[in-house]
Amino acid sequence: MKRKTGHATILLFCLITISCKTTSYFGTPNSVKNVSAKVFLANGDCVNGKITVNTNYVTGGNLSVHTSMISKGVKYKLSEIRGYEINNTFYALKEIKRSARGGTTRIFMKKISRGSNDPELYENTVKNMIADKNKPATLLTRSYYIKLPQDRSNIVYSLTELERSRNFDERIMLFLNTDSELARAINSKYKRQPIPKEKRSEILMQIVQEYTGSE
């Protein structure tokens, strides 16, 4: 009887070990473990395998790729990554400004713009834990970022940041000068006149709704 109990304990230990090694999940674009993806490197190469994403504001983070050929996986610095694709959805590595004093942080964002003439619009998802003794929950918060036309850097700006900026008209005109259907619609409505402050939120939300399909 003791031998059977010992065998059962060993079997349970093995199952737990295997389970831990094979656990996979996609929480947010910056919280991914053992998920099949296609990784696009900054040097133009592509790698297929199961990825684990670790973004860190202090160390910069990394992305690991495990393949059938390399069981231990290859760890890439974020500076070596352009983005990754899962189920035909592309997650680009972009930079956001930490503060007005300068400095940027690299994070992965879901690209939601489509055509080559459209502005580059991205969705950033952040997971927040709600402290509740009776029923703890997880809240996903989504915010939107845009890459301005003619900007050669990898920096994207939040729509909230653009709305509050002093040079809003100058920045938004860079977008409105593009040959996209949405830009033409907005230009038709405002006749390329300076956009009133009270209309800024309307313009920015129109951009989001166009690409997310939300109402």
N, C-alpha and C. Protein backbone atom coordinates (compact mmCIF):
# COMPACT_ATOMS: atom_id res chain seq x y z
N MET A 1 0.83 -1.21 0.00
CA MET A 1 0.00 0.00 0.00
C MET A 1 0.86 1.25 0.00
N LYS A 2 1.96 1.22 0.79
CA LYS A 2 2.86 2.36 0.84
C LYS A 2 3.53 2.58 -0.50
N ARG A 3 3.85 1.45 -1.22
CA ARG A 3 4.50 1.59 -2.52
C ARG A 3 3.57 2.28 -3.50
N LYS A 4 2.28 1.92 -3.48
CA LYS A 4 1.32 2.54 -4.39
C LYS A 4 1.19 4.03 -4.10
N THR A 5 1.18 4.37 -2.80
CA THR A 5 1.09 5.78 -2.42
C THR A 5 2.31 6.54 -2.92
N GLY A 6 3.47 5.93 -2.82
CA GLY A 6 4.70 6.56 -3.29
C GLY A 6 4.68 6.78 -4.78
N HIS A 7 4.18 5.77 -5.52
CA HIS A 7 4.09 5.89 -6.98
C HIS A 7 3.12 6.99 -7.37
N ALA A 8 2.01 7.10 -6.64
CA ALA A 8 1.01 8.13 -6.92
C ALA A 8 1.59 9.52 -6.68
N THR A 9 2.40 9.64 -5.62
CA THR A 9 3.03 10.93 -5.31
C THR A 9 3.98 11.35 -6.41
N ILE A 10 4.79 10.38 -6.90
CA ILE A 10 5.74 10.66 -7.97
C ILE A 10 5.01 11.06 -9.24
N LEU A 11 3.91 10.33 -9.56
CA LEU A 11 3.13 10.63 -10.75
C LEU A 11 2.54 12.03 -10.67
N LEU A 12 2.01 12.40 -9.50
CA LEU A 12 1.43 13.72 -9.30
C LEU A 12 2.49 14.80 -9.47
N PHE A 13 3.67 14.56 -8.92
CA PHE A 13 4.78 15.51 -9.04
C PHE A 13 5.15 15.71 -10.51
N CYS A 14 5.21 14.61 -11.27
CA CYS A 14 5.56 14.69 -12.69
C CYS A 14 4.52 15.48 -13.47
N LEU A 15 3.23 15.24 -13.16
CA LEU A 15 2.16 15.95 -13.86
C LEU A 15 2.21 17.44 -13.57
N ILE A 16 2.51 17.80 -12.31
CA ILE A 16 2.60 19.21 -11.94
C ILE A 16 3.78 19.86 -12.65
N THR A 17 4.90 19.14 -12.70
CA THR A 17 6.10 19.67 -13.36
C THR A 17 5.86 19.91 -14.83
N ILE A 18 5.23 18.93 -15.49
CA ILE A 18 4.93 19.06 -16.92
C ILE A 18 3.97 20.21 -17.16
N SER A 19 2.97 20.32 -16.29
CA SER A 19 1.97 21.38 -16.43
C SER A 19 2.61 22.75 -16.32
N CYS A 20 3.56 22.90 -15.37
CA CYS A 20 4.22 24.18 -15.18
C CYS A 20 5.05 24.55 -16.40
N LYS A 21 5.67 23.53 -17.00
CA LYS A 21 6.53 23.79 -18.14
C LYS A 21 5.75 24.13 -19.40
N THR A 22 4.51 23.64 -19.48
CA THR A 22 3.75 23.81 -20.72
C THR A 22 2.65 24.87 -20.60
N THR A 23 2.58 25.55 -19.45
CA THR A 23 1.57 26.58 -19.27
C THR A 23 1.74 27.69 -20.31
N SER A 24 0.65 28.07 -20.93
CA SER A 24 0.70 29.15 -21.91
C SER A 24 -0.47 30.09 -21.67
N TYR A 25 -0.25 31.39 -21.92
CA TYR A 25 -1.33 32.35 -21.77
C TYR A 25 -0.99 33.63 -22.53
N PHE A 26 -2.03 34.37 -22.85
CA PHE A 26 -1.91 35.70 -23.45
C PHE A 26 -2.76 36.64 -22.61
N GLY A 27 -2.11 37.36 -21.70
CA GLY A 27 -2.84 38.29 -20.85
C GLY A 27 -3.03 39.63 -21.53
N THR A 28 -1.92 40.22 -21.93
CA THR A 28 -1.87 41.46 -22.70
C THR A 28 -0.72 41.30 -23.70
N PRO A 29 -0.56 42.22 -24.64
CA PRO A 29 0.58 42.11 -25.57
C PRO A 29 1.93 42.11 -24.87
N ASN A 30 1.97 42.57 -23.62
CA ASN A 30 3.22 42.60 -22.87
C ASN A 30 3.29 41.55 -21.77
N SER A 31 2.32 40.66 -21.78
CA SER A 31 2.29 39.55 -20.82
C SER A 31 1.89 38.28 -21.57
N VAL A 32 2.90 37.64 -22.16
CA VAL A 32 2.67 36.47 -23.01
C VAL A 32 3.63 35.36 -22.59
N LYS A 33 3.13 34.12 -22.56
CA LYS A 33 3.99 32.99 -22.20
C LYS A 33 3.65 31.77 -23.05
N ASN A 34 4.68 31.24 -23.73
CA ASN A 34 4.56 30.00 -24.51
C ASN A 34 3.42 30.01 -25.52
N VAL A 35 3.30 31.09 -26.28
CA VAL A 35 2.26 31.20 -27.30
C VAL A 35 2.91 31.20 -28.68
N SER A 36 2.37 30.42 -29.60
CA SER A 36 2.93 30.35 -30.95
C SER A 36 2.78 31.69 -31.66
N ALA A 37 3.88 32.16 -32.25
CA ALA A 37 3.87 33.47 -32.90
C ALA A 37 4.95 33.54 -33.97
N LYS A 38 4.84 34.55 -34.81
CA LYS A 38 5.87 34.87 -35.79
C LYS A 38 6.51 36.17 -35.34
N VAL A 39 7.81 36.13 -35.12
CA VAL A 39 8.53 37.30 -34.60
C VAL A 39 9.28 37.99 -35.73
N PHE A 40 9.11 39.30 -35.81
CA PHE A 40 9.79 40.10 -36.82
C PHE A 40 10.94 40.85 -36.16
N LEU A 41 12.16 40.55 -36.61
CA LEU A 41 13.35 41.16 -36.01
C LEU A 41 13.66 42.49 -36.69
N ALA A 42 14.40 43.31 -35.96
CA ALA A 42 14.76 44.64 -36.49
C ALA A 42 15.66 44.54 -37.70
N ASN A 43 16.40 43.44 -37.84
CA ASN A 43 17.31 43.29 -38.99
C ASN A 43 16.61 42.76 -40.24
N GLY A 44 15.29 42.55 -40.16
CA GLY A 44 14.52 42.10 -41.31
C GLY A 44 14.21 40.62 -41.31
N ASP A 45 14.85 39.84 -40.44
CA ASP A 45 14.60 38.40 -40.37
C ASP A 45 13.31 38.10 -39.62
N CYS A 46 12.80 36.88 -39.80
CA CYS A 46 11.60 36.41 -39.09
C CYS A 46 11.91 35.09 -38.40
N VAL A 47 11.31 34.89 -37.24
CA VAL A 47 11.49 33.65 -36.48
C VAL A 47 10.13 33.14 -36.04
N ASN A 48 9.86 31.85 -36.24
CA ASN A 48 8.61 31.24 -35.79
C ASN A 48 8.88 30.36 -34.57
N GLY A 49 7.99 30.42 -33.59
CA GLY A 49 8.15 29.60 -32.40
C GLY A 49 7.20 30.05 -31.31
N LYS A 50 7.39 29.51 -30.12
CA LYS A 50 6.57 29.91 -28.97
C LYS A 50 7.31 31.01 -28.21
N ILE A 51 6.61 32.12 -28.01
CA ILE A 51 7.27 33.28 -27.41
C ILE A 51 6.84 33.52 -25.97
N THR A 52 7.74 34.15 -25.24
CA THR A 52 7.46 34.64 -23.90
C THR A 52 7.95 36.08 -23.85
N VAL A 53 7.05 36.99 -23.51
CA VAL A 53 7.37 38.41 -23.50
C VAL A 53 7.55 38.89 -22.07
N ASN A 54 8.63 39.62 -21.85
CA ASN A 54 8.91 40.20 -20.54
C ASN A 54 9.33 41.64 -20.73
N THR A 55 8.38 42.58 -20.57
CA THR A 55 8.72 44.00 -20.67
C THR A 55 8.93 44.54 -19.26
N ASN A 56 9.97 45.34 -19.12
CA ASN A 56 10.34 45.86 -17.81
C ASN A 56 10.78 47.30 -17.97
N TYR A 57 10.16 48.22 -17.20
CA TYR A 57 10.48 49.63 -17.33
C TYR A 57 11.91 49.95 -16.89
N VAL A 58 12.47 49.09 -16.04
CA VAL A 58 13.81 49.35 -15.51
C VAL A 58 14.89 48.74 -16.40
N THR A 59 14.78 47.43 -16.69
CA THR A 59 15.81 46.73 -17.46
C THR A 59 15.55 46.76 -18.96
N GLY A 60 14.34 47.14 -19.37
CA GLY A 60 14.02 47.17 -20.79
C GLY A 60 13.29 45.94 -21.27
N GLY A 61 13.50 44.79 -20.58
CA GLY A 61 12.78 43.58 -20.92
C GLY A 61 13.40 42.81 -22.07
N ASN A 62 12.74 41.72 -22.45
CA ASN A 62 13.22 40.87 -23.52
C ASN A 62 12.09 40.02 -24.07
N LEU A 63 12.38 39.30 -25.14
CA LEU A 63 11.43 38.38 -25.75
C LEU A 63 12.16 37.09 -26.06
N SER A 64 11.64 35.97 -25.55
CA SER A 64 12.26 34.66 -25.78
C SER A 64 11.46 33.88 -26.81
N VAL A 65 12.17 33.17 -27.69
CA VAL A 65 11.53 32.35 -28.71
C VAL A 65 12.02 30.92 -28.57
N HIS A 66 11.09 29.99 -28.38
CA HIS A 66 11.42 28.57 -28.28
C HIS A 66 10.96 27.86 -29.55
N THR A 67 11.83 27.08 -30.15
CA THR A 67 11.50 26.32 -31.35
C THR A 67 11.81 24.85 -31.13
N SER A 68 11.37 24.02 -32.06
CA SER A 68 11.64 22.58 -31.96
C SER A 68 13.13 22.29 -32.10
N MET A 69 13.85 23.19 -32.77
CA MET A 69 15.28 23.02 -32.98
C MET A 69 16.11 23.44 -31.77
N ILE A 70 15.60 24.46 -31.06
CA ILE A 70 16.33 24.99 -29.90
C ILE A 70 15.40 24.95 -28.70
N SER A 71 15.53 23.91 -27.88
CA SER A 71 14.61 23.71 -26.76
C SER A 71 14.78 24.79 -25.69
N LYS A 72 16.00 25.25 -25.48
CA LYS A 72 16.24 26.26 -24.44
C LYS A 72 15.75 27.64 -24.88
N GLY A 73 15.58 27.82 -26.16
CA GLY A 73 15.08 29.10 -26.67
C GLY A 73 16.18 30.13 -26.86
N VAL A 74 15.83 31.17 -27.59
CA VAL A 74 16.74 32.29 -27.84
C VAL A 74 16.11 33.54 -27.24
N LYS A 75 16.90 34.28 -26.47
CA LYS A 75 16.39 35.49 -25.82
C LYS A 75 16.88 36.71 -26.59
N TYR A 76 15.93 37.55 -27.02
CA TYR A 76 16.26 38.77 -27.76
C TYR A 76 16.00 40.00 -26.89
N LYS A 77 16.85 40.99 -27.02
CA LYS A 77 16.59 42.27 -26.40
C LYS A 77 15.45 42.95 -27.17
N LEU A 78 14.71 43.81 -26.50
CA LEU A 78 13.60 44.48 -27.19
C LEU A 78 14.11 45.36 -28.33
N SER A 79 15.33 45.85 -28.21
CA SER A 79 15.90 46.67 -29.29
C SER A 79 16.12 45.86 -30.57
N GLU A 80 16.09 44.53 -30.46
CA GLU A 80 16.29 43.65 -31.61
C GLU A 80 14.97 43.23 -32.25
N ILE A 81 13.85 43.67 -31.68
CA ILE A 81 12.53 43.22 -32.12
C ILE A 81 11.75 44.37 -32.76
N ARG A 82 11.06 44.06 -33.87
CA ARG A 82 10.16 45.02 -34.50
C ARG A 82 8.72 44.77 -34.07
N GLY A 83 8.40 43.49 -33.85
CA GLY A 83 7.06 43.14 -33.41
C GLY A 83 6.82 41.65 -33.56
N TYR A 84 5.61 41.21 -33.25
CA TYR A 84 5.27 39.80 -33.44
C TYR A 84 3.81 39.68 -33.88
N GLU A 85 3.50 38.54 -34.46
CA GLU A 85 2.16 38.31 -35.00
C GLU A 85 1.57 37.03 -34.41
N ILE A 86 0.33 37.12 -33.92
CA ILE A 86 -0.40 35.97 -33.39
C ILE A 86 -1.78 35.96 -34.02
N ASN A 87 -2.12 34.86 -34.67
CA ASN A 87 -3.44 34.72 -35.30
C ASN A 87 -3.78 35.92 -36.21
N ASN A 88 -2.82 36.29 -37.06
CA ASN A 88 -2.99 37.36 -38.04
C ASN A 88 -3.16 38.75 -37.42
N THR A 89 -2.84 38.88 -36.15
CA THR A 89 -2.86 40.19 -35.49
C THR A 89 -1.43 40.60 -35.17
N PHE A 90 -1.05 41.81 -35.58
CA PHE A 90 0.32 42.27 -35.41
C PHE A 90 0.44 43.15 -34.17
N TYR A 91 1.43 42.85 -33.35
CA TYR A 91 1.73 43.62 -32.15
C TYR A 91 3.09 44.28 -32.34
N ALA A 92 3.09 45.60 -32.49
CA ALA A 92 4.32 46.33 -32.79
C ALA A 92 4.98 46.82 -31.52
N LEU A 93 6.30 46.86 -31.54
CA LEU A 93 7.05 47.41 -30.42
C LEU A 93 7.20 48.91 -30.66
N LYS A 94 6.57 49.71 -29.81
CA LYS A 94 6.60 51.16 -29.98
C LYS A 94 7.19 51.81 -28.72
N GLU A 95 7.45 53.08 -28.83
CA GLU A 95 8.01 53.83 -27.71
C GLU A 95 7.03 54.92 -27.28
N ILE A 96 6.89 55.07 -25.97
CA ILE A 96 6.07 56.14 -25.42
C ILE A 96 6.94 56.97 -24.48
N LYS A 97 6.65 58.26 -24.41
CA LYS A 97 7.42 59.14 -23.53
C LYS A 97 7.02 58.93 -22.09
N ARG A 98 8.03 58.84 -21.23
CA ARG A 98 7.75 58.65 -19.80
C ARG A 98 7.27 59.93 -19.15
N SER A 99 7.89 61.05 -19.50
CA SER A 99 7.53 62.34 -18.90
C SER A 99 7.99 63.46 -19.81
N ALA A 100 7.65 64.67 -19.42
CA ALA A 100 8.04 65.83 -20.22
C ALA A 100 9.56 66.03 -20.20
N ARG A 101 10.23 65.42 -19.24
CA ARG A 101 11.68 65.59 -19.12
C ARG A 101 12.45 64.75 -20.13
N GLY A 102 11.77 63.86 -20.78
CA GLY A 102 12.44 63.02 -21.77
C GLY A 102 12.52 61.58 -21.34
N GLY A 103 13.06 60.74 -22.23
CA GLY A 103 13.14 59.31 -21.94
C GLY A 103 11.92 58.60 -22.47
N THR A 104 12.12 57.39 -22.97
CA THR A 104 11.01 56.62 -23.52
C THR A 104 11.00 55.21 -22.95
N THR A 105 9.86 54.55 -23.08
CA THR A 105 9.69 53.16 -22.67
C THR A 105 9.17 52.36 -23.84
N ARG A 106 9.75 51.18 -24.07
CA ARG A 106 9.30 50.31 -25.16
C ARG A 106 8.23 49.35 -24.66
N ILE A 107 7.11 49.30 -25.38
CA ILE A 107 6.05 48.35 -25.06
C ILE A 107 5.42 47.86 -26.35
N PHE A 108 4.79 46.67 -26.29
CA PHE A 108 4.10 46.12 -27.45
C PHE A 108 2.66 46.62 -27.47
N MET A 109 2.20 47.02 -28.67
CA MET A 109 0.83 47.49 -28.85
C MET A 109 0.21 46.81 -30.06
N LYS A 110 -1.08 46.60 -29.99
CA LYS A 110 -1.81 46.00 -31.11
C LYS A 110 -2.03 47.05 -32.19
N LYS A 111 -1.61 46.75 -33.41
CA LYS A 111 -1.83 47.68 -34.51
C LYS A 111 -3.25 47.50 -35.03
N ILE A 112 -4.02 48.59 -35.07
CA ILE A 112 -5.42 48.46 -35.49
C ILE A 112 -5.70 49.23 -36.78
N SER A 113 -4.74 50.04 -37.26
CA SER A 113 -4.94 50.68 -38.57
C SER A 113 -4.65 49.67 -39.66
N ARG A 114 -5.15 49.92 -40.87
CA ARG A 114 -5.11 48.90 -41.90
C ARG A 114 -4.33 49.30 -43.14
N GLY A 115 -4.88 50.23 -43.94
CA GLY A 115 -4.28 50.57 -45.21
C GLY A 115 -2.94 51.28 -45.10
N SER A 116 -2.18 51.26 -46.19
CA SER A 116 -0.87 51.90 -46.20
C SER A 116 -0.97 53.42 -46.11
N ASN A 117 -2.11 53.97 -46.54
CA ASN A 117 -2.28 55.42 -46.48
C ASN A 117 -2.91 55.89 -45.18
N ASP A 118 -3.32 54.95 -44.35
CA ASP A 118 -3.96 55.32 -43.10
C ASP A 118 -2.92 55.68 -42.04
N PRO A 119 -3.32 56.50 -41.06
CA PRO A 119 -2.40 56.78 -39.96
C PRO A 119 -2.16 55.51 -39.16
N GLU A 120 -0.99 55.42 -38.56
CA GLU A 120 -0.70 54.24 -37.74
C GLU A 120 -1.35 54.44 -36.38
N LEU A 121 -2.35 53.61 -36.10
CA LEU A 121 -3.08 53.70 -34.84
C LEU A 121 -2.88 52.40 -34.06
N TYR A 122 -2.63 52.53 -32.76
CA TYR A 122 -2.31 51.37 -31.93
C TYR A 122 -3.18 51.35 -30.67
N GLU A 123 -3.42 50.13 -30.20
CA GLU A 123 -4.19 49.93 -28.97
C GLU A 123 -3.28 49.36 -27.90
N ASN A 124 -3.21 50.05 -26.77
CA ASN A 124 -2.40 49.58 -25.65
C ASN A 124 -3.31 49.04 -24.56
N THR A 125 -3.02 47.83 -24.09
CA THR A 125 -3.84 47.19 -23.07
C THR A 125 -3.03 47.00 -21.79
N VAL A 126 -3.59 47.45 -20.68
CA VAL A 126 -2.94 47.33 -19.37
C VAL A 126 -3.86 46.54 -18.45
N LYS A 127 -3.26 45.58 -17.74
CA LYS A 127 -4.05 44.77 -16.80
C LYS A 127 -3.86 45.31 -15.38
N ASN A 128 -4.98 45.58 -14.73
CA ASN A 128 -4.95 46.08 -13.35
C ASN A 128 -5.73 45.13 -12.44
N MET A 129 -5.15 44.83 -11.31
CA MET A 129 -5.81 43.96 -10.34
C MET A 129 -6.64 44.82 -9.38
N ILE A 130 -7.91 44.44 -9.20
CA ILE A 130 -8.79 45.15 -8.29
C ILE A 130 -8.79 44.41 -6.96
N ALA A 131 -8.34 45.10 -5.92
CA ALA A 131 -8.25 44.49 -4.59
C ALA A 131 -9.64 44.41 -3.96
N ASP A 132 -10.12 43.19 -3.82
CA ASP A 132 -11.43 42.96 -3.20
C ASP A 132 -11.34 41.64 -2.43
N LYS A 133 -11.53 41.71 -1.13
CA LYS A 133 -11.41 40.51 -0.30
C LYS A 133 -12.41 39.44 -0.70
N ASN A 134 -13.62 39.87 -1.04
CA ASN A 134 -14.68 38.90 -1.38
C ASN A 134 -14.56 38.37 -2.80
N LYS A 135 -14.21 39.27 -3.74
CA LYS A 135 -14.18 38.86 -5.13
C LYS A 135 -13.13 39.66 -5.91
N PRO A 136 -11.85 39.26 -5.80
CA PRO A 136 -10.81 39.97 -6.55
C PRO A 136 -11.05 39.82 -8.06
N ALA A 137 -10.75 40.86 -8.79
CA ALA A 137 -11.01 40.85 -10.23
C ALA A 137 -9.87 41.50 -10.99
N THR A 138 -9.85 41.26 -12.28
CA THR A 138 -8.86 41.84 -13.17
C THR A 138 -9.56 42.79 -14.14
N LEU A 139 -9.03 43.99 -14.26
CA LEU A 139 -9.61 44.99 -15.14
C LEU A 139 -8.62 45.31 -16.26
N LEU A 140 -9.09 45.17 -17.51
CA LEU A 140 -8.27 45.50 -18.67
C LEU A 140 -8.62 46.91 -19.14
N THR A 141 -7.62 47.78 -19.17
CA THR A 141 -7.83 49.15 -19.61
C THR A 141 -7.17 49.35 -20.96
N ARG A 142 -7.91 49.88 -21.92
CA ARG A 142 -7.38 50.11 -23.27
C ARG A 142 -7.27 51.60 -23.56
N SER A 143 -6.14 51.97 -24.12
CA SER A 143 -5.93 53.36 -24.54
C SER A 143 -5.35 53.34 -25.95
N TYR A 144 -5.45 54.48 -26.64
CA TYR A 144 -5.08 54.50 -28.05
C TYR A 144 -3.95 55.50 -28.32
N TYR A 145 -3.07 55.09 -29.21
CA TYR A 145 -1.89 55.88 -29.57
C TYR A 145 -1.81 56.02 -31.08
N ILE A 146 -1.25 57.12 -31.53
CA ILE A 146 -1.12 57.37 -32.96
C ILE A 146 0.31 57.76 -33.29
N LYS A 147 0.78 57.28 -34.43
CA LYS A 147 2.10 57.67 -34.91
C LYS A 147 1.88 58.74 -35.97
N LEU A 148 2.47 59.90 -35.75
CA LEU A 148 2.24 61.01 -36.66
C LEU A 148 2.96 60.80 -37.99
N PRO A 149 2.31 61.14 -39.09
CA PRO A 149 2.95 61.05 -40.39
C PRO A 149 4.21 61.92 -40.42
N GLN A 150 5.18 61.52 -41.20
CA GLN A 150 6.45 62.22 -41.37
C GLN A 150 7.34 62.14 -40.14
N ASP A 151 6.90 61.44 -39.11
CA ASP A 151 7.74 61.27 -37.92
C ASP A 151 8.54 59.98 -38.09
N ARG A 152 9.85 60.10 -38.22
CA ARG A 152 10.70 58.94 -38.49
C ARG A 152 11.08 58.17 -37.24
N SER A 153 10.75 58.70 -36.08
CA SER A 153 11.06 57.99 -34.83
C SER A 153 10.06 56.87 -34.60
N ASN A 154 10.27 56.09 -33.58
CA ASN A 154 9.37 54.99 -33.24
C ASN A 154 8.40 55.38 -32.13
N ILE A 155 8.32 56.68 -31.87
CA ILE A 155 7.49 57.18 -30.78
C ILE A 155 6.03 57.33 -31.23
N VAL A 156 5.12 56.93 -30.36
CA VAL A 156 3.69 57.13 -30.61
C VAL A 156 3.13 58.00 -29.49
N TYR A 157 2.05 58.72 -29.80
CA TYR A 157 1.47 59.65 -28.85
C TYR A 157 0.05 59.23 -28.49
N SER A 158 -0.28 59.32 -27.21
CA SER A 158 -1.63 58.96 -26.80
C SER A 158 -2.59 60.02 -27.31
N LEU A 159 -3.82 59.61 -27.62
CA LEU A 159 -4.82 60.56 -28.12
C LEU A 159 -5.14 61.61 -27.05
N THR A 160 -5.08 61.20 -25.79
CA THR A 160 -5.31 62.15 -24.70
C THR A 160 -4.22 63.20 -24.67
N GLU A 161 -2.98 62.75 -24.89
CA GLU A 161 -1.84 63.68 -24.91
C GLU A 161 -1.98 64.68 -26.06
N LEU A 162 -2.40 64.20 -27.23
CA LEU A 162 -2.57 65.08 -28.37
C LEU A 162 -3.67 66.10 -28.11
N GLU A 163 -4.76 65.64 -27.49
CA GLU A 163 -5.89 66.53 -27.25
C GLU A 163 -5.50 67.71 -26.37
N ARG A 164 -4.61 67.45 -25.40
CA ARG A 164 -4.22 68.48 -24.44
C ARG A 164 -3.03 69.32 -24.90
N SER A 165 -2.38 68.91 -25.98
CA SER A 165 -1.14 69.58 -26.38
C SER A 165 -1.42 70.96 -26.98
N ARG A 166 -0.46 71.85 -26.79
CA ARG A 166 -0.59 73.22 -27.28
C ARG A 166 -0.56 73.25 -28.82
N ASN A 167 0.23 72.37 -29.41
CA ASN A 167 0.34 72.35 -30.87
C ASN A 167 -0.53 71.26 -31.48
N PHE A 168 -1.75 71.12 -30.92
CA PHE A 168 -2.69 70.11 -31.40
C PHE A 168 -2.97 70.27 -32.89
N ASP A 169 -3.27 71.49 -33.31
CA ASP A 169 -3.63 71.71 -34.72
C ASP A 169 -2.48 71.35 -35.64
N GLU A 170 -1.26 71.70 -35.24
CA GLU A 170 -0.10 71.40 -36.07
C GLU A 170 0.09 69.89 -36.21
N ARG A 171 -0.07 69.17 -35.09
CA ARG A 171 0.12 67.72 -35.11
C ARG A 171 -1.00 67.02 -35.86
N ILE A 172 -2.24 67.43 -35.63
CA ILE A 172 -3.36 66.75 -36.27
C ILE A 172 -3.40 67.03 -37.76
N MET A 173 -2.87 68.20 -38.17
CA MET A 173 -2.83 68.52 -39.59
C MET A 173 -1.89 67.58 -40.34
N LEU A 174 -0.86 67.08 -39.66
CA LEU A 174 0.02 66.11 -40.30
C LEU A 174 -0.78 64.88 -40.72
N PHE A 175 -1.71 64.49 -39.87
CA PHE A 175 -2.57 63.36 -40.18
C PHE A 175 -3.60 63.72 -41.25
N LEU A 176 -4.19 64.91 -41.12
CA LEU A 176 -5.25 65.32 -42.05
C LEU A 176 -4.73 65.54 -43.46
N ASN A 177 -3.43 65.70 -43.61
CA ASN A 177 -2.84 65.88 -44.94
C ASN A 177 -2.57 64.55 -45.63
N THR A 178 -2.85 63.43 -44.97
CA THR A 178 -2.63 62.12 -45.58
C THR A 178 -3.79 61.80 -46.53
N ASP A 179 -3.54 60.89 -47.43
CA ASP A 179 -4.56 60.50 -48.41
C ASP A 179 -5.34 59.30 -47.90
N SER A 180 -6.02 59.49 -46.77
CA SER A 180 -6.84 58.41 -46.22
C SER A 180 -8.30 58.82 -46.24
N GLU A 181 -9.17 57.84 -46.25
CA GLU A 181 -10.61 58.11 -46.33
C GLU A 181 -11.09 58.91 -45.13
N LEU A 182 -10.58 58.57 -43.94
CA LEU A 182 -11.00 59.27 -42.74
C LEU A 182 -10.52 60.71 -42.76
N ALA A 183 -9.29 60.94 -43.22
CA ALA A 183 -8.77 62.31 -43.30
C ALA A 183 -9.62 63.15 -44.24
N ARG A 184 -10.04 62.56 -45.35
CA ARG A 184 -10.87 63.30 -46.31
C ARG A 184 -12.23 63.64 -45.70
N ALA A 185 -12.77 62.72 -44.92
CA ALA A 185 -14.07 62.97 -44.29
C ALA A 185 -13.98 64.10 -43.27
N ILE A 186 -12.91 64.11 -42.49
CA ILE A 186 -12.74 65.16 -41.48
C ILE A 186 -12.48 66.51 -42.15
N ASN A 187 -11.66 66.49 -43.20
CA ASN A 187 -11.37 67.74 -43.92
C ASN A 187 -12.63 68.32 -44.55
N SER A 188 -13.50 67.43 -45.02
CA SER A 188 -14.74 67.87 -45.64
C SER A 188 -15.64 68.56 -44.62
N LYS A 189 -15.60 68.05 -43.39
CA LYS A 189 -16.46 68.60 -42.34
C LYS A 189 -15.93 69.91 -41.79
N TYR A 190 -14.61 70.00 -41.61
CA TYR A 190 -14.04 71.19 -40.99
C TYR A 190 -13.37 72.14 -41.99
N LYS A 191 -13.38 71.76 -43.27
CA LYS A 191 -12.86 72.63 -44.33
C LYS A 191 -11.43 73.12 -44.04
N ARG A 192 -10.64 72.22 -43.40
CA ARG A 192 -9.24 72.53 -43.08
C ARG A 192 -9.08 73.78 -42.21
N GLN A 193 -10.11 74.11 -41.47
CA GLN A 193 -10.02 75.22 -40.54
C GLN A 193 -9.45 74.72 -39.20
N PRO A 194 -8.87 75.63 -38.40
CA PRO A 194 -8.39 75.22 -37.07
C PRO A 194 -9.51 74.54 -36.29
N ILE A 195 -9.20 73.45 -35.65
CA ILE A 195 -10.23 72.66 -34.95
C ILE A 195 -10.48 73.25 -33.57
N PRO A 196 -11.73 73.63 -33.28
CA PRO A 196 -12.04 74.19 -31.96
C PRO A 196 -11.71 73.21 -30.84
N LYS A 197 -11.32 73.73 -29.69
CA LYS A 197 -10.94 72.88 -28.57
C LYS A 197 -12.06 71.92 -28.19
N GLU A 198 -13.29 72.42 -28.26
CA GLU A 198 -14.41 71.57 -27.85
C GLU A 198 -14.68 70.45 -28.84
N LYS A 199 -14.03 70.49 -30.02
CA LYS A 199 -14.23 69.46 -31.04
C LYS A 199 -13.07 68.46 -31.08
N ARG A 200 -12.03 68.69 -30.29
CA ARG A 200 -10.86 67.82 -30.35
C ARG A 200 -11.19 66.37 -29.99
N SER A 201 -11.94 66.20 -28.89
CA SER A 201 -12.30 64.84 -28.47
C SER A 201 -13.11 64.14 -29.55
N GLU A 202 -13.98 64.90 -30.20
CA GLU A 202 -14.83 64.33 -31.26
C GLU A 202 -13.97 63.82 -32.41
N ILE A 203 -12.96 64.62 -32.81
CA ILE A 203 -12.08 64.23 -33.90
C ILE A 203 -11.30 62.97 -33.54
N LEU A 204 -10.73 62.96 -32.34
CA LEU A 204 -9.90 61.83 -31.94
C LEU A 204 -10.72 60.55 -31.80
N MET A 205 -11.93 60.67 -31.24
CA MET A 205 -12.78 59.50 -31.10
C MET A 205 -13.25 59.00 -32.45
N GLN A 206 -13.38 59.89 -33.41
CA GLN A 206 -13.77 59.49 -34.77
C GLN A 206 -12.67 58.62 -35.37
N ILE A 207 -11.42 58.98 -35.08
CA ILE A 207 -10.29 58.19 -35.55
C ILE A 207 -10.34 56.78 -34.95
N VAL A 208 -10.57 56.71 -33.64
CA VAL A 208 -10.62 55.42 -32.96
C VAL A 208 -11.77 54.56 -33.49
N GLN A 209 -12.95 55.15 -33.61
CA GLN A 209 -14.13 54.41 -34.04
C GLN A 209 -13.97 53.86 -35.45
N GLU A 210 -13.24 54.60 -36.29
CA GLU A 210 -13.03 54.15 -37.66
C GLU A 210 -12.28 52.82 -37.69
N TYR A 211 -11.32 52.68 -36.80
CA TYR A 211 -10.48 51.49 -36.86
C TYR A 211 -10.89 50.37 -35.93
N THR A 212 -11.62 50.71 -34.87
CA THR A 212 -12.06 49.66 -33.94
C THR A 212 -13.45 49.16 -34.28
N GLY A 213 -14.19 49.93 -35.06
CA GLY A 213 -15.56 49.53 -35.39
C GLY A 213 -16.51 49.78 -34.25
N SER A 214 -16.07 50.54 -33.25
CA SER A 214 -16.93 50.82 -32.10
C SER A 214 -17.86 51.97 -32.41
N GLU A 215 -18.87 52.09 -31.61
CA GLU A 215 -19.86 53.16 -31.81
C GLU A 215 -19.73 54.20 -30.70
